[in-house]
Every structure is written in structure tokens, then in C-alpha cells.
Amino acid sequence: MKRTPLRKVSDKKRAQLADEKKLTEILYIKQKGLCADCGDRLGWGAAKHEIVFRAHGGSPTDEDNCVLLCLPCHSARHGIRVIMEGK
């Protein structure tokens, strides 16, 4: 079987990913581990949501432009209906 070579991550992308990870940790502490929309405890499926999207000039690493949401709330913000037990 032929293996596909892994693409190398550029230094710029690596720095951006590190900044986004740090921001996620800051938001988790700021929101006390709760979803910004429904107030449920964030589990493994916490998603960082940008209020003003990158395509519209928003910054993915600006603390004032991002919130953490649970997966159902994040999907709802993007117009996707998710059915989960207990919600």
C-alpha cells in the first residue's frame, strides 16, 4: 500500500494554532467552563465560535471576538440542527 506523505506545518500556521489553543484556555477560564449560549458545562466538545468570521475581517485570536459554545449551540449558530439526548 502506498503511503501519502504528511504535509509539513509552516511556522506561521504552527504559531497561529498555538495562539488559538491559548485563547481557548483563556475563554474556558473566563466563562468558568460554561457554554456562552445555554450555560451548560462545556465537555470534550467545546467549540470556539468567532462572532465576526475571518472572512468578514474578524480575528480568530481576539478574545473579544470569540466565545466557547457546546456543540449543539455551535451547530445552531451555524443553522445546523443537532439532536442530542438530555438537551
N, C-alpha and C. Protein backbone atom coordinates (compact mmCIF):
# COMPACT_ATOMS: atom_id res chain seq x y z
N MET A 1 0.84 -1.16 0.00
CA MET A 1 0.00 0.00 0.00
C MET A 1 0.90 1.24 0.00
N LYS A 2 0.56 2.18 -0.85
CA LYS A 2 1.33 3.41 -0.96
C LYS A 2 0.90 4.40 0.13
N ARG A 3 1.88 4.97 0.80
CA ARG A 3 1.58 5.92 1.85
C ARG A 3 1.59 7.34 1.32
N THR A 4 0.68 8.14 1.84
CA THR A 4 0.63 9.55 1.47
C THR A 4 1.54 10.30 2.42
N PRO A 5 2.47 11.10 1.90
CA PRO A 5 3.36 11.84 2.79
C PRO A 5 2.60 12.91 3.57
N LEU A 6 3.00 13.10 4.81
CA LEU A 6 2.39 14.14 5.64
C LEU A 6 2.91 15.50 5.22
N ARG A 7 2.00 16.45 5.15
CA ARG A 7 2.43 17.81 4.81
C ARG A 7 3.04 18.46 6.03
N LYS A 8 4.09 19.23 5.82
CA LYS A 8 4.73 19.93 6.92
C LYS A 8 3.91 21.17 7.26
N VAL A 9 3.84 21.46 8.55
CA VAL A 9 3.12 22.63 9.02
C VAL A 9 4.10 23.80 9.04
N SER A 10 3.68 24.90 8.42
CA SER A 10 4.56 26.08 8.38
C SER A 10 4.68 26.68 9.78
N ASP A 11 5.74 27.44 9.98
CA ASP A 11 5.95 28.10 11.27
C ASP A 11 4.81 29.08 11.57
N LYS A 12 4.32 29.76 10.53
CA LYS A 12 3.22 30.72 10.71
C LYS A 12 1.96 29.99 11.18
N LYS A 13 1.64 28.87 10.57
CA LYS A 13 0.45 28.10 10.94
C LYS A 13 0.61 27.51 12.34
N ARG A 14 1.81 27.03 12.67
CA ARG A 14 2.07 26.47 13.98
C ARG A 14 1.87 27.55 15.06
N ALA A 15 2.32 28.77 14.81
CA ALA A 15 2.15 29.87 15.75
C ALA A 15 0.67 30.23 15.90
N GLN A 16 -0.06 30.22 14.78
CA GLN A 16 -1.49 30.53 14.82
C GLN A 16 -2.24 29.48 15.64
N LEU A 17 -1.92 28.22 15.46
CA LEU A 17 -2.57 27.15 16.21
C LEU A 17 -2.28 27.27 17.71
N ALA A 18 -1.04 27.64 18.04
CA ALA A 18 -0.67 27.82 19.45
C ALA A 18 -1.45 28.99 20.05
N ASP A 19 -1.60 30.08 19.30
CA ASP A 19 -2.36 31.24 19.78
C ASP A 19 -3.83 30.88 20.00
N GLU A 20 -4.40 30.10 19.08
CA GLU A 20 -5.80 29.71 19.20
C GLU A 20 -6.01 28.77 20.39
N LYS A 21 -5.05 27.89 20.63
CA LYS A 21 -5.15 26.98 21.78
C LYS A 21 -5.09 27.77 23.08
N LYS A 22 -4.19 28.75 23.15
CA LYS A 22 -4.07 29.59 24.34
C LYS A 22 -5.36 30.38 24.56
N LEU A 23 -5.94 30.90 23.47
CA LEU A 23 -7.19 31.65 23.56
C LEU A 23 -8.32 30.76 24.08
N THR A 24 -8.38 29.52 23.60
CA THR A 24 -9.40 28.59 24.06
C THR A 24 -9.30 28.39 25.57
N GLU A 25 -8.08 28.24 26.07
CA GLU A 25 -7.87 28.08 27.52
C GLU A 25 -8.31 29.33 28.28
N ILE A 26 -7.99 30.51 27.75
CA ILE A 26 -8.38 31.77 28.39
C ILE A 26 -9.90 31.89 28.43
N LEU A 27 -10.56 31.58 27.31
CA LEU A 27 -12.03 31.66 27.25
C LEU A 27 -12.68 30.67 28.20
N TYR A 28 -12.10 29.47 28.33
CA TYR A 28 -12.65 28.45 29.23
C TYR A 28 -12.64 28.97 30.67
N ILE A 29 -11.53 29.59 31.06
CA ILE A 29 -11.42 30.14 32.41
C ILE A 29 -12.37 31.33 32.58
N LYS A 30 -12.40 32.22 31.59
CA LYS A 30 -13.26 33.41 31.64
C LYS A 30 -14.74 33.04 31.75
N GLN A 31 -15.15 32.00 31.02
CA GLN A 31 -16.56 31.56 31.03
C GLN A 31 -16.84 30.54 32.11
N LYS A 32 -15.85 30.24 32.95
CA LYS A 32 -15.98 29.30 34.06
C LYS A 32 -16.43 27.92 33.59
N GLY A 33 -16.01 27.54 32.38
CA GLY A 33 -16.32 26.21 31.86
C GLY A 33 -17.75 26.04 31.41
N LEU A 34 -18.45 27.14 31.16
CA LEU A 34 -19.86 27.08 30.76
C LEU A 34 -20.05 27.60 29.34
N CYS A 35 -21.03 27.05 28.64
CA CYS A 35 -21.38 27.48 27.29
C CYS A 35 -21.90 28.92 27.35
N ALA A 36 -21.47 29.76 26.42
CA ALA A 36 -21.87 31.17 26.39
C ALA A 36 -23.36 31.33 26.05
N ASP A 37 -23.96 30.36 25.37
CA ASP A 37 -25.37 30.47 24.99
C ASP A 37 -26.31 29.85 26.02
N CYS A 38 -26.16 28.55 26.29
CA CYS A 38 -27.13 27.85 27.13
C CYS A 38 -26.70 27.73 28.59
N GLY A 39 -25.43 27.93 28.89
CA GLY A 39 -24.96 27.87 30.27
C GLY A 39 -24.63 26.47 30.76
N ASP A 40 -24.75 25.46 29.89
CA ASP A 40 -24.37 24.10 30.28
C ASP A 40 -22.86 23.99 30.39
N ARG A 41 -22.41 23.00 31.17
CA ARG A 41 -20.98 22.77 31.33
C ARG A 41 -20.40 22.29 30.01
N LEU A 42 -19.25 22.89 29.65
CA LEU A 42 -18.57 22.50 28.42
C LEU A 42 -17.84 21.19 28.65
N GLY A 43 -18.03 20.25 27.77
CA GLY A 43 -17.35 18.97 27.87
C GLY A 43 -16.24 18.89 26.84
N TRP A 44 -15.99 17.70 26.37
CA TRP A 44 -14.94 17.48 25.38
C TRP A 44 -15.26 18.17 24.08
N GLY A 45 -16.52 18.50 23.84
CA GLY A 45 -16.91 19.05 22.56
C GLY A 45 -17.03 20.55 22.51
N ALA A 46 -16.28 21.26 23.33
CA ALA A 46 -16.34 22.72 23.30
C ALA A 46 -15.81 23.24 21.97
N ALA A 47 -16.52 24.21 21.39
CA ALA A 47 -16.12 24.76 20.10
C ALA A 47 -15.93 26.27 20.23
N LYS A 48 -14.83 26.77 19.71
CA LYS A 48 -14.57 28.22 19.71
C LYS A 48 -15.34 28.82 18.55
N HIS A 49 -16.19 29.79 18.85
CA HIS A 49 -17.02 30.43 17.82
C HIS A 49 -16.58 31.87 17.66
N GLU A 50 -16.34 32.26 16.42
CA GLU A 50 -15.97 33.64 16.12
C GLU A 50 -17.23 34.44 15.85
N ILE A 51 -17.41 35.54 16.55
CA ILE A 51 -18.58 36.38 16.40
C ILE A 51 -18.56 37.05 15.02
N VAL A 52 -17.43 37.65 14.67
CA VAL A 52 -17.22 38.18 13.33
C VAL A 52 -16.26 37.20 12.64
N PHE A 53 -16.75 36.52 11.60
CA PHE A 53 -15.95 35.49 10.95
C PHE A 53 -14.69 36.06 10.30
N ARG A 54 -13.68 35.22 10.13
CA ARG A 54 -12.43 35.62 9.49
C ARG A 54 -12.69 36.21 8.11
N ALA A 55 -13.61 35.60 7.38
CA ALA A 55 -13.91 36.05 6.02
C ALA A 55 -14.49 37.47 6.00
N HIS A 56 -15.03 37.89 7.14
CA HIS A 56 -15.62 39.23 7.24
C HIS A 56 -14.72 40.18 8.02
N GLY A 57 -13.46 39.79 8.20
CA GLY A 57 -12.49 40.67 8.85
C GLY A 57 -12.29 40.44 10.33
N GLY A 58 -12.91 39.41 10.89
CA GLY A 58 -12.75 39.12 12.32
C GLY A 58 -11.43 38.41 12.59
N SER A 59 -10.96 38.53 13.81
CA SER A 59 -9.71 37.89 14.20
C SER A 59 -9.99 36.60 14.96
N PRO A 60 -9.35 35.50 14.58
CA PRO A 60 -9.57 34.23 15.29
C PRO A 60 -8.85 34.17 16.62
N THR A 61 -8.01 35.16 16.92
CA THR A 61 -7.26 35.14 18.17
C THR A 61 -7.59 36.34 19.05
N ASP A 62 -8.67 37.05 18.75
CA ASP A 62 -9.10 38.20 19.55
C ASP A 62 -10.09 37.72 20.60
N GLU A 63 -9.77 37.93 21.86
CA GLU A 63 -10.61 37.46 22.96
C GLU A 63 -12.02 38.05 22.91
N ASP A 64 -12.16 39.28 22.41
CA ASP A 64 -13.47 39.92 22.35
C ASP A 64 -14.31 39.43 21.17
N ASN A 65 -13.69 38.72 20.24
CA ASN A 65 -14.39 38.24 19.05
C ASN A 65 -14.77 36.77 19.15
N CYS A 66 -14.40 36.10 20.23
CA CYS A 66 -14.62 34.65 20.32
C CYS A 66 -15.34 34.28 21.61
N VAL A 67 -16.13 33.21 21.53
CA VAL A 67 -16.78 32.61 22.70
C VAL A 67 -16.68 31.10 22.55
N LEU A 68 -16.78 30.39 23.68
CA LEU A 68 -16.83 28.94 23.64
C LEU A 68 -18.28 28.50 23.76
N LEU A 69 -18.66 27.56 22.90
CA LEU A 69 -20.03 27.04 22.89
C LEU A 69 -20.00 25.52 22.95
N CYS A 70 -21.06 24.93 23.48
CA CYS A 70 -21.20 23.48 23.41
C CYS A 70 -21.54 23.13 21.95
N LEU A 71 -21.40 21.89 21.59
CA LEU A 71 -21.62 21.51 20.19
C LEU A 71 -23.03 21.80 19.67
N PRO A 72 -24.09 21.51 20.45
CA PRO A 72 -25.43 21.85 19.93
C PRO A 72 -25.63 23.34 19.70
N CYS A 73 -25.12 24.18 20.60
CA CYS A 73 -25.26 25.63 20.43
C CYS A 73 -24.42 26.13 19.27
N HIS A 74 -23.23 25.58 19.10
CA HIS A 74 -22.37 25.99 17.99
C HIS A 74 -23.02 25.61 16.67
N SER A 75 -23.59 24.42 16.61
CA SER A 75 -24.27 23.99 15.39
C SER A 75 -25.48 24.88 15.11
N ALA A 76 -26.22 25.23 16.16
CA ALA A 76 -27.40 26.09 15.99
C ALA A 76 -27.00 27.47 15.46
N ARG A 77 -25.87 28.00 15.92
CA ARG A 77 -25.40 29.31 15.44
C ARG A 77 -25.11 29.27 13.94
N HIS A 78 -24.75 28.09 13.45
CA HIS A 78 -24.46 27.94 12.02
C HIS A 78 -25.65 27.37 11.25
N GLY A 79 -26.80 27.26 11.92
CA GLY A 79 -28.02 26.82 11.25
C GLY A 79 -28.12 25.32 11.05
N ILE A 80 -27.40 24.56 11.85
CA ILE A 80 -27.43 23.10 11.75
C ILE A 80 -28.20 22.56 12.95
N ARG A 81 -29.17 21.73 12.71
CA ARG A 81 -29.98 21.16 13.79
C ARG A 81 -29.35 19.87 14.27
N VAL A 82 -29.05 19.78 15.54
CA VAL A 82 -28.44 18.59 16.14
C VAL A 82 -29.37 18.07 17.21
N ILE A 83 -29.64 16.77 17.19
CA ILE A 83 -30.49 16.15 18.20
C ILE A 83 -29.58 15.39 19.16
N MET A 84 -29.62 15.80 20.44
CA MET A 84 -28.80 15.12 21.46
C MET A 84 -29.70 14.80 22.63
N GLU A 85 -29.45 13.63 23.23
CA GLU A 85 -30.22 13.24 24.40
C GLU A 85 -29.88 14.14 25.56
N GLY A 86 -30.87 14.48 26.36
CA GLY A 86 -30.65 15.30 27.54
C GLY A 86 -30.64 16.79 27.26
N LYS A 87 -30.89 17.21 26.03
CA LYS A 87 -30.90 18.64 25.71
C LYS A 87 -32.25 19.03 25.21
